[in-house]
Amino acid sequence: MTTKADLGLHYRQATGRTIAACRAERGLSLRGLADSSELSLAYLSELERGQKEPSGSTLEQLAHAFELPLADLLRLIADRIEEQSAPPEISIEGLGRDEIGELSRFAQWLRWKKEQPG
């Protein structure tokens, strides 16, 4: 079961990775981003490591520093969240019919279990 804390961590990590990727794509150092965004170096470091959750105004400052509309930065963060949420790819190559059937039954059980209260 996903908790509120898990969701917050997931969001912070996706946001941090997005900020780091945008900074790297533009060839900016952390100091350069701090200067252009008017945010502290320490705060940006914490953001990139997923330790802080940025406010809306912080995201606006970062979008401006990246020369992006805020909506584009938010879209990049959303895309990263979806990437992190994607189910793992499972290969059934080399499995027999019985093994594939067992995986299917297990998946059905997991879906059933997830729907159960408490």
N, C-alpha and C. Protein backbone atom coordinates (compact mmCIF):
# COMPACT_ATOMS: atom_id res chain seq x y z
N MET A 1 0.85 -1.18 0.00
CA MET A 1 0.00 0.00 0.00
C MET A 1 0.89 1.24 0.00
N THR A 2 0.58 2.19 -0.86
CA THR A 2 1.35 3.42 -0.96
C THR A 2 0.85 4.41 0.08
N THR A 3 1.77 4.94 0.87
CA THR A 3 1.41 5.91 1.90
C THR A 3 1.61 7.33 1.37
N LYS A 4 1.09 8.28 2.12
CA LYS A 4 1.26 9.69 1.77
C LYS A 4 2.75 10.06 1.76
N ALA A 5 3.50 9.50 2.70
CA ALA A 5 4.95 9.76 2.76
C ALA A 5 5.64 9.21 1.52
N ASP A 6 5.21 8.02 1.06
CA ASP A 6 5.79 7.44 -0.15
C ASP A 6 5.53 8.33 -1.35
N LEU A 7 4.32 8.86 -1.45
CA LEU A 7 3.98 9.73 -2.57
C LEU A 7 4.80 11.00 -2.54
N GLY A 8 5.00 11.56 -1.35
CA GLY A 8 5.82 12.77 -1.22
C GLY A 8 7.25 12.52 -1.63
N LEU A 9 7.80 11.39 -1.20
CA LEU A 9 9.17 11.04 -1.57
C LEU A 9 9.27 10.83 -3.07
N HIS A 10 8.30 10.15 -3.63
CA HIS A 10 8.27 9.89 -5.08
C HIS A 10 8.27 11.21 -5.86
N TYR A 11 7.43 12.15 -5.41
CA TYR A 11 7.36 13.47 -6.06
C TYR A 11 8.68 14.22 -5.92
N ARG A 12 9.24 14.23 -4.70
CA ARG A 12 10.50 14.95 -4.48
C ARG A 12 11.63 14.36 -5.32
N GLN A 13 11.69 13.05 -5.41
CA GLN A 13 12.74 12.41 -6.20
C GLN A 13 12.57 12.73 -7.69
N ALA A 14 11.35 12.67 -8.19
CA ALA A 14 11.10 12.99 -9.60
C ALA A 14 11.45 14.45 -9.89
N THR A 15 11.08 15.33 -8.97
CA THR A 15 11.38 16.74 -9.14
C THR A 15 12.89 16.97 -9.14
N GLY A 16 13.58 16.37 -8.20
CA GLY A 16 15.02 16.51 -8.11
C GLY A 16 15.74 16.00 -9.35
N ARG A 17 15.33 14.85 -9.83
CA ARG A 17 15.95 14.29 -11.04
C ARG A 17 15.69 15.17 -12.26
N THR A 18 14.50 15.74 -12.31
CA THR A 18 14.16 16.63 -13.43
C THR A 18 15.00 17.89 -13.39
N ILE A 19 15.15 18.46 -12.22
CA ILE A 19 15.97 19.68 -12.08
C ILE A 19 17.42 19.37 -12.47
N ALA A 20 17.94 18.26 -11.97
CA ALA A 20 19.32 17.89 -12.29
C ALA A 20 19.49 17.66 -13.80
N ALA A 21 18.50 17.01 -14.42
CA ALA A 21 18.58 16.74 -15.86
C ALA A 21 18.52 18.04 -16.66
N CYS A 22 17.63 18.94 -16.29
CA CYS A 22 17.52 20.23 -16.99
C CYS A 22 18.81 21.03 -16.84
N ARG A 23 19.37 20.99 -15.66
CA ARG A 23 20.62 21.71 -15.41
C ARG A 23 21.75 21.12 -16.26
N ALA A 24 21.85 19.80 -16.30
CA ALA A 24 22.90 19.13 -17.08
C ALA A 24 22.74 19.39 -18.58
N GLU A 25 21.49 19.36 -19.07
CA GLU A 25 21.23 19.61 -20.49
C GLU A 25 21.69 21.00 -20.91
N ARG A 26 21.65 21.92 -19.98
CA ARG A 26 22.04 23.30 -20.28
C ARG A 26 23.48 23.59 -19.92
N GLY A 27 24.18 22.57 -19.43
CA GLY A 27 25.59 22.75 -19.09
C GLY A 27 25.81 23.68 -17.91
N LEU A 28 24.83 23.75 -17.03
CA LEU A 28 24.93 24.64 -15.86
C LEU A 28 25.51 23.89 -14.68
N SER A 29 26.37 24.54 -13.95
CA SER A 29 26.82 24.01 -12.67
C SER A 29 25.73 24.32 -11.65
N LEU A 30 25.84 23.71 -10.50
CA LEU A 30 24.89 24.02 -9.44
C LEU A 30 25.01 25.51 -9.06
N ARG A 31 26.24 26.01 -9.04
CA ARG A 31 26.46 27.43 -8.75
C ARG A 31 25.80 28.31 -9.82
N GLY A 32 25.95 27.92 -11.09
CA GLY A 32 25.35 28.69 -12.19
C GLY A 32 23.84 28.73 -12.08
N LEU A 33 23.24 27.59 -11.71
CA LEU A 33 21.79 27.55 -11.54
C LEU A 33 21.39 28.39 -10.33
N ALA A 34 22.18 28.34 -9.28
CA ALA A 34 21.88 29.16 -8.09
C ALA A 34 21.88 30.64 -8.46
N ASP A 35 22.86 31.05 -9.24
CA ASP A 35 22.95 32.45 -9.65
C ASP A 35 21.76 32.85 -10.53
N SER A 36 21.42 32.01 -11.51
CA SER A 36 20.36 32.39 -12.45
C SER A 36 18.96 32.25 -11.86
N SER A 37 18.80 31.39 -10.86
CA SER A 37 17.47 31.20 -10.26
C SER A 37 17.28 32.02 -9.00
N GLU A 38 18.38 32.58 -8.47
CA GLU A 38 18.36 33.31 -7.22
C GLU A 38 17.94 32.43 -6.04
N LEU A 39 18.28 31.14 -6.14
CA LEU A 39 18.05 30.19 -5.05
C LEU A 39 19.42 29.80 -4.49
N SER A 40 19.45 29.42 -3.24
CA SER A 40 20.76 29.11 -2.64
C SER A 40 21.30 27.78 -3.18
N LEU A 41 22.60 27.71 -3.21
CA LEU A 41 23.29 26.51 -3.65
C LEU A 41 22.90 25.32 -2.79
N ALA A 42 22.86 25.50 -1.49
CA ALA A 42 22.50 24.41 -0.57
C ALA A 42 21.08 23.93 -0.82
N TYR A 43 20.15 24.87 -1.02
CA TYR A 43 18.75 24.51 -1.26
C TYR A 43 18.61 23.74 -2.57
N LEU A 44 19.29 24.20 -3.62
CA LEU A 44 19.23 23.49 -4.90
C LEU A 44 19.80 22.08 -4.77
N SER A 45 20.85 21.94 -4.03
CA SER A 45 21.44 20.61 -3.81
C SER A 45 20.44 19.70 -3.11
N GLU A 46 19.75 20.23 -2.11
CA GLU A 46 18.73 19.43 -1.41
C GLU A 46 17.57 19.09 -2.33
N LEU A 47 17.18 20.03 -3.19
CA LEU A 47 16.11 19.75 -4.16
C LEU A 47 16.52 18.61 -5.09
N GLU A 48 17.73 18.70 -5.64
CA GLU A 48 18.18 17.68 -6.59
C GLU A 48 18.29 16.30 -5.94
N ARG A 49 18.57 16.26 -4.65
CA ARG A 49 18.68 14.98 -3.94
C ARG A 49 17.33 14.50 -3.40
N GLY A 50 16.26 15.24 -3.69
CA GLY A 50 14.93 14.83 -3.26
C GLY A 50 14.67 15.03 -1.78
N GLN A 51 15.44 15.90 -1.14
CA GLN A 51 15.28 16.12 0.29
C GLN A 51 14.31 17.25 0.62
N LYS A 52 14.05 18.11 -0.35
CA LYS A 52 13.14 19.24 -0.15
C LYS A 52 12.06 19.20 -1.21
N GLU A 53 10.90 19.73 -0.86
CA GLU A 53 9.78 19.83 -1.80
C GLU A 53 9.63 21.30 -2.18
N PRO A 54 9.81 21.62 -3.46
CA PRO A 54 9.78 23.03 -3.86
C PRO A 54 8.37 23.61 -3.87
N SER A 55 8.30 24.88 -3.55
CA SER A 55 7.03 25.60 -3.63
C SER A 55 6.76 25.96 -5.09
N GLY A 56 5.57 26.44 -5.34
CA GLY A 56 5.23 26.90 -6.68
C GLY A 56 6.13 28.02 -7.16
N SER A 57 6.45 28.95 -6.26
CA SER A 57 7.31 30.06 -6.66
C SER A 57 8.73 29.58 -6.94
N THR A 58 9.20 28.57 -6.22
CA THR A 58 10.52 28.00 -6.50
C THR A 58 10.53 27.36 -7.88
N LEU A 59 9.46 26.63 -8.21
CA LEU A 59 9.39 26.01 -9.54
C LEU A 59 9.35 27.08 -10.63
N GLU A 60 8.68 28.20 -10.36
CA GLU A 60 8.67 29.31 -11.32
C GLU A 60 10.07 29.87 -11.52
N GLN A 61 10.80 30.04 -10.43
CA GLN A 61 12.17 30.55 -10.53
C GLN A 61 13.05 29.60 -11.34
N LEU A 62 12.88 28.30 -11.11
CA LEU A 62 13.67 27.32 -11.85
C LEU A 62 13.29 27.30 -13.32
N ALA A 63 12.00 27.36 -13.61
CA ALA A 63 11.55 27.38 -15.00
C ALA A 63 12.14 28.59 -15.71
N HIS A 64 12.13 29.73 -15.06
CA HIS A 64 12.70 30.94 -15.65
C HIS A 64 14.20 30.76 -15.90
N ALA A 65 14.89 30.18 -14.94
CA ALA A 65 16.34 29.96 -15.09
C ALA A 65 16.64 28.99 -16.24
N PHE A 66 15.73 28.03 -16.45
CA PHE A 66 15.90 27.07 -17.55
C PHE A 66 15.35 27.59 -18.88
N GLU A 67 14.80 28.80 -18.83
CA GLU A 67 14.17 29.42 -20.00
C GLU A 67 13.06 28.52 -20.56
N LEU A 68 12.24 28.05 -19.63
CA LEU A 68 11.10 27.20 -19.95
C LEU A 68 9.83 27.82 -19.39
N PRO A 69 8.70 27.63 -20.07
CA PRO A 69 7.44 27.98 -19.41
C PRO A 69 7.24 27.04 -18.21
N LEU A 70 6.63 27.53 -17.16
CA LEU A 70 6.38 26.71 -15.97
C LEU A 70 5.65 25.42 -16.34
N ALA A 71 4.68 25.52 -17.24
CA ALA A 71 3.92 24.33 -17.64
C ALA A 71 4.84 23.25 -18.22
N ASP A 72 5.86 23.66 -18.96
CA ASP A 72 6.79 22.68 -19.53
C ASP A 72 7.61 21.99 -18.45
N LEU A 73 8.06 22.76 -17.46
CA LEU A 73 8.81 22.16 -16.36
C LEU A 73 7.92 21.18 -15.60
N LEU A 74 6.69 21.57 -15.34
CA LEU A 74 5.77 20.68 -14.64
C LEU A 74 5.49 19.42 -15.44
N ARG A 75 5.41 19.55 -16.76
CA ARG A 75 5.21 18.39 -17.63
C ARG A 75 6.40 17.44 -17.55
N LEU A 76 7.61 18.00 -17.53
CA LEU A 76 8.81 17.17 -17.40
C LEU A 76 8.82 16.41 -16.07
N ILE A 77 8.39 17.08 -15.01
CA ILE A 77 8.31 16.42 -13.70
C ILE A 77 7.26 15.31 -13.75
N ALA A 78 6.11 15.61 -14.34
CA ALA A 78 5.04 14.61 -14.45
C ALA A 78 5.50 13.40 -15.26
N ASP A 79 6.23 13.65 -16.34
CA ASP A 79 6.75 12.55 -17.15
C ASP A 79 7.69 11.67 -16.33
N ARG A 80 8.52 12.29 -15.52
CA ARG A 80 9.46 11.53 -14.69
C ARG A 80 8.71 10.72 -13.64
N ILE A 81 7.65 11.28 -13.08
CA ILE A 81 6.83 10.54 -12.11
C ILE A 81 6.24 9.30 -12.79
N GLU A 82 5.73 9.47 -13.99
CA GLU A 82 5.15 8.34 -14.71
C GLU A 82 6.21 7.29 -15.03
N GLU A 83 7.42 7.72 -15.39
CA GLU A 83 8.51 6.78 -15.65
C GLU A 83 8.79 5.94 -14.41
N GLN A 84 8.82 6.60 -13.25
CA GLN A 84 9.11 5.90 -12.01
C GLN A 84 7.98 4.96 -11.60
N SER A 85 6.76 5.26 -12.07
CA SER A 85 5.59 4.47 -11.69
C SER A 85 5.34 3.32 -12.64
N ALA A 86 6.02 3.29 -13.76
CA ALA A 86 5.77 2.25 -14.76
C ALA A 86 6.09 0.88 -14.18
N PRO A 87 5.22 -0.08 -14.46
CA PRO A 87 5.51 -1.43 -13.97
C PRO A 87 6.74 -1.99 -14.67
N PRO A 88 7.46 -2.85 -14.00
CA PRO A 88 8.66 -3.43 -14.62
C PRO A 88 8.29 -4.32 -15.79
N GLU A 89 9.16 -4.36 -16.76
CA GLU A 89 8.99 -5.26 -17.90
C GLU A 89 9.31 -6.67 -17.43
N ILE A 90 8.43 -7.61 -17.73
CA ILE A 90 8.65 -8.99 -17.34
C ILE A 90 8.70 -9.83 -18.60
N SER A 91 9.77 -10.54 -18.75
CA SER A 91 9.94 -11.40 -19.92
C SER A 91 9.44 -12.81 -19.58
N ILE A 92 8.61 -13.35 -20.47
CA ILE A 92 8.15 -14.72 -20.27
C ILE A 92 8.87 -15.68 -21.23
N GLU A 93 9.87 -15.12 -21.91
CA GLU A 93 10.65 -15.92 -22.85
C GLU A 93 11.30 -17.09 -22.10
N GLY A 94 11.15 -18.26 -22.65
CA GLY A 94 11.76 -19.45 -22.05
C GLY A 94 10.90 -20.12 -20.99
N LEU A 95 9.77 -19.51 -20.65
CA LEU A 95 8.88 -20.13 -19.66
C LEU A 95 7.91 -21.08 -20.36
N GLY A 96 7.58 -22.14 -19.68
CA GLY A 96 6.61 -23.09 -20.21
C GLY A 96 5.19 -22.62 -19.97
N ARG A 97 4.26 -23.31 -20.59
CA ARG A 97 2.83 -22.97 -20.48
C ARG A 97 2.38 -22.98 -19.02
N ASP A 98 2.81 -23.97 -18.25
CA ASP A 98 2.42 -24.07 -16.84
C ASP A 98 2.96 -22.88 -16.04
N GLU A 99 4.20 -22.49 -16.31
CA GLU A 99 4.81 -21.37 -15.59
C GLU A 99 4.10 -20.06 -15.93
N ILE A 100 3.74 -19.87 -17.17
CA ILE A 100 3.01 -18.67 -17.58
C ILE A 100 1.64 -18.66 -16.91
N GLY A 101 0.99 -19.80 -16.84
CA GLY A 101 -0.30 -19.90 -16.16
C GLY A 101 -0.18 -19.54 -14.68
N GLU A 102 0.90 -20.00 -14.06
CA GLU A 102 1.14 -19.70 -12.64
C GLU A 102 1.34 -18.19 -12.44
N LEU A 103 2.10 -17.56 -13.34
CA LEU A 103 2.28 -16.10 -13.26
C LEU A 103 0.95 -15.38 -13.41
N SER A 104 0.12 -15.85 -14.30
CA SER A 104 -1.20 -15.24 -14.52
C SER A 104 -2.06 -15.37 -13.26
N ARG A 105 -2.07 -16.55 -12.65
CA ARG A 105 -2.85 -16.75 -11.42
C ARG A 105 -2.32 -15.86 -10.29
N PHE A 106 -1.02 -15.72 -10.21
CA PHE A 106 -0.42 -14.86 -9.18
C PHE A 106 -0.82 -13.40 -9.41
N ALA A 107 -0.81 -12.96 -10.66
CA ALA A 107 -1.20 -11.59 -10.98
C ALA A 107 -2.66 -11.36 -10.61
N GLN A 108 -3.51 -12.32 -10.87
CA GLN A 108 -4.93 -12.20 -10.49
C GLN A 108 -5.07 -12.10 -8.97
N TRP A 109 -4.30 -12.92 -8.26
CA TRP A 109 -4.34 -12.88 -6.81
C TRP A 109 -3.88 -11.52 -6.30
N LEU A 110 -2.81 -10.96 -6.88
CA LEU A 110 -2.32 -9.65 -6.47
C LEU A 110 -3.39 -8.57 -6.68
N ARG A 111 -4.08 -8.62 -7.82
CA ARG A 111 -5.16 -7.65 -8.07
C ARG A 111 -6.26 -7.81 -7.04
N TRP A 112 -6.63 -9.05 -6.74
CA TRP A 112 -7.66 -9.31 -5.74
C TRP A 112 -7.22 -8.78 -4.38
N LYS A 113 -5.98 -9.08 -3.99
CA LYS A 113 -5.44 -8.66 -2.69
C LYS A 113 -5.44 -7.14 -2.56
N LYS A 114 -5.10 -6.46 -3.65
CA LYS A 114 -5.04 -5.01 -3.63
C LYS A 114 -6.42 -4.39 -3.39
N GLU A 115 -7.46 -5.06 -3.83
CA GLU A 115 -8.83 -4.55 -3.69
C GLU A 115 -9.44 -4.81 -2.32
N GLN A 116 -8.79 -5.66 -1.52
CA GLN A 116 -9.33 -6.01 -0.21
C GLN A 116 -9.16 -4.86 0.78
N PRO A 117 -10.17 -4.62 1.62
CA PRO A 117 -10.05 -3.54 2.61
C PRO A 117 -9.02 -3.90 3.69
N GLY A 118 -8.37 -2.82 4.16
CA GLY A 118 -7.42 -2.95 5.27
C GLY A 118 -6.26 -3.74 4.93
